Amino acid sequence: MKIALGCDHGGYELKTKVIAHLKERGIECKDFGCYGLESCDYPEFGRAAAKAVADKECDLGIVICTTGIGISISANKVRGVRAALCNDTLSASLTKLHNNANVLALGAGIIGEKLALEIVDTFIDTEFSNDERHIRRINKIED
């Protein structure tokens, strides 16, 4: 498995912790920036990570900004991406199970590191249900 990551300055510190956690799990990461705490624009990095998922360069994506809102909106502009902002493990599980989300958005200023890593693990470890009703609904989103 290979995961694309993108963040702005508000998500940089959490992104470094997520990458370390993923590497501990033996998961390959591709970091699309940003690479420091200087102010920058989240759409650039959210879009780059999302494009890697849409192009199948990476299996999943994780994007992080202060709230997770702006970067999730940016990621969702990429055709074929279903980015979900999750602040709890139940949402992370259900968005994979029901929506087959392929990009997770996190708000570094909203949730702490421990919860963020639990959400990441839940998102990665949950499989899509493949229920017909969910496939039908996803196809309607993609149209």
Foldseek 3Di string as FASTA:
>chain_A
DEEEEFEFLQCQVLVVVLCVVCVVVVYHYDYQDDDHNPGDDLLNRLCVRLVCCQVVVGVAYEYEHQALPVSQVSSVVDQPADEDEDDAQVVLQCCCQQVVGRYYTYRPNRHDNVRVNSSVCSNVPHHHNPDPVSVVVNVVVND
